[in-house]
């Protein structure tokens, strides 16, 4: 029970595969299809589609911000990353991992006490579950990847090269800065950055600009800053994004220059 909330309902957050209590508990907290907020006493519940279900950047932080905003007492999940668990527990939210079965079973077991240790799965069963999770994740990402490819095609067809040359004039410093800024203002799955980066290279953008764009894409997220501030606090969230932007430019420069020097200046 979280301090100062003894008069409020005991609200449990369960990442689930479906929008009902009979749905199975999801293997991952940040990318589960649904988030179920359950009153542990009455078993009444509310459902919410998880905005991070596609696996996009910052999925875990969006779920953390939601849990904090809803005054959740505990999260019951199959797994969550150490960093997500850290921020949940620091905000007074208990985290119970290794949960299986249905959402209703998970809450019932939580009310009884610590869950009993589960027997280890057979190697065959574990492998099958891993393939199933991977296929499910890929299926969720496929429409998004298709949309990105379509956008790249339209971009190549309608955006003149003069525009790209104005934004990426070819200088090492300016291209690196432009790429980092462009990548930091978009959010999406890291796989999409490969597709977009390939399209930029095909349009003549330098490796400096493309590399900075890809690094910033996966490490900086200005569009998700409100959610990150809600989960981590404004001071930390802003400082993290600013430092990540600077590091993205440094990593891009080193990534392109070092191999070029080793290969005789062919970058």
Foldseek 3Di string as FASTA:
>chain_A
DFPPCPVPFAKEKFQFQDFDQQTKGELEQLQRQKIWIARLPPRDIDIDGQPCNLVKAPSLLLSLLVCLVVVHAEYEHQDYDPVSCVLCVVSNYHYHHNDIGGNNVRSVQVVVHHDDDDDDDDPVVVVVVVVVVVVVSVVSNVVVLVVLLVVLVVCVVPPDLVVVCVQQVPDLVSLLLSLLVQLQADMTHLVSLVVVLVSVVVSPHDQNNSQLNSQNNNQHHPVCLVSNCSRPNNVVSVVRRVVSSVVSNVVSCCVPVVVCVVVPNPD
